[in-house]
Amino acid sequence: MKSVLQINLSFDQILSVVRQLPRQQKIKLTKELEKEAIDTKLSKLLKTFKTKDLDLKTINEEVEFVRQEIYDKQKR
């Protein structure tokens, strides 16, 4: 049987607990927090670029256009 316990801690209390952790656990905690921050930033970035006006056909056309420009410049 699992119990759910909820406690209210201030940032300073959490910081105090974290400072008591062994070095390896601090490193592990840091990595977990970094993952969460990266996931959040990536999600925001993806939402920024999300559009219904852009489809695979349009992307492929643009890629081919740019490739042709690069090819033409190299031929000169």
Protein backbone atom coordinates (compact mmCIF):
# COMPACT_ATOMS: atom_id res chain seq x y z
CA MET A 1 0.00 0.00 0.00
CA LYS A 2 1.34 3.40 -0.99
CA SER A 3 0.63 6.61 0.84
CA VAL A 4 0.72 10.05 -0.63
CA LEU A 5 2.30 12.72 1.48
CA GLN A 6 2.25 16.36 0.54
CA ILE A 7 4.35 18.92 2.34
CA ASN A 8 4.89 22.58 1.69
CA LEU A 9 8.52 23.63 1.57
CA SER A 10 10.02 26.98 0.79
CA PHE A 11 12.81 27.34 -1.74
CA ASP A 12 15.28 27.93 1.08
CA GLN A 13 14.19 24.70 2.80
CA ILE A 14 14.62 22.74 -0.41
CA LEU A 15 18.01 24.31 -0.96
CA SER A 16 19.03 23.34 2.55
CA VAL A 17 18.04 19.71 1.91
CA VAL A 18 19.87 19.66 -1.43
CA ARG A 19 23.03 20.96 0.21
CA GLN A 20 22.93 17.97 2.56
CA LEU A 21 22.97 15.48 -0.31
CA PRO A 22 26.14 13.58 -1.18
CA ARG A 23 28.02 14.91 -4.19
CA GLN A 24 26.86 12.13 -6.56
CA GLN A 25 23.20 12.73 -5.75
CA LYS A 26 23.69 16.47 -6.33
CA ILE A 27 25.15 15.68 -9.75
CA LYS A 28 22.22 13.36 -10.53
CA LEU A 29 19.73 16.02 -9.42
CA THR A 30 21.47 18.62 -11.57
CA LYS A 31 21.24 16.38 -14.63
CA GLU A 32 17.55 15.76 -14.05
CA LEU A 33 16.86 19.48 -13.71
CA GLU A 34 18.84 20.17 -16.89
CA LYS A 35 16.79 17.55 -18.79
CA GLU A 36 13.57 19.19 -17.62
CA ALA A 37 14.78 22.63 -18.66
CA ILE A 38 15.89 21.37 -22.08
CA ASP A 39 12.56 19.60 -22.62
CA THR A 40 10.69 22.78 -21.75
CA LYS A 41 12.82 24.92 -24.06
CA LEU A 42 12.48 22.41 -26.91
CA SER A 43 8.71 22.27 -26.50
CA LYS A 44 8.48 26.06 -26.63
CA LEU A 45 10.70 26.15 -29.71
CA LEU A 46 8.62 23.52 -31.50
CA LYS A 47 5.41 25.41 -30.68
CA THR A 48 6.95 28.58 -32.10
CA PHE A 49 7.61 26.93 -35.46
CA LYS A 50 4.38 24.92 -35.64
CA THR A 51 2.24 25.97 -38.56
CA LYS A 52 -0.45 24.53 -40.77
CA ASP A 53 0.81 26.51 -43.77
CA LEU A 54 3.97 24.46 -44.13
CA ASP A 55 3.83 20.95 -45.54
CA LEU A 56 6.40 18.43 -46.76
CA LYS A 57 5.89 19.41 -50.40
CA THR A 58 6.71 23.05 -49.64
CA ILE A 59 9.79 22.06 -47.64
CA ASN A 60 11.03 19.78 -50.44
CA GLU A 61 10.51 22.51 -53.04
CA GLU A 62 12.52 24.98 -50.95
CA VAL A 63 15.30 22.44 -50.38
CA GLU A 64 15.56 21.76 -54.10
CA PHE A 65 15.58 25.49 -54.86
CA VAL A 66 18.45 26.09 -52.42
CA ARG A 67 20.37 23.08 -53.73
CA GLN A 68 20.05 24.42 -57.27
CA GLU A 69 21.30 27.85 -56.16
CA ILE A 70 24.34 26.25 -54.51
CA TYR A 71 25.00 24.11 -57.59
CA ASP A 72 24.74 27.15 -59.88
CA LYS A 73 27.19 29.13 -57.72
CA GLN A 74 29.71 26.28 -57.80
CA LYS A 75 29.58 26.10 -61.59
CA ARG A 76 30.61 29.77 -61.95
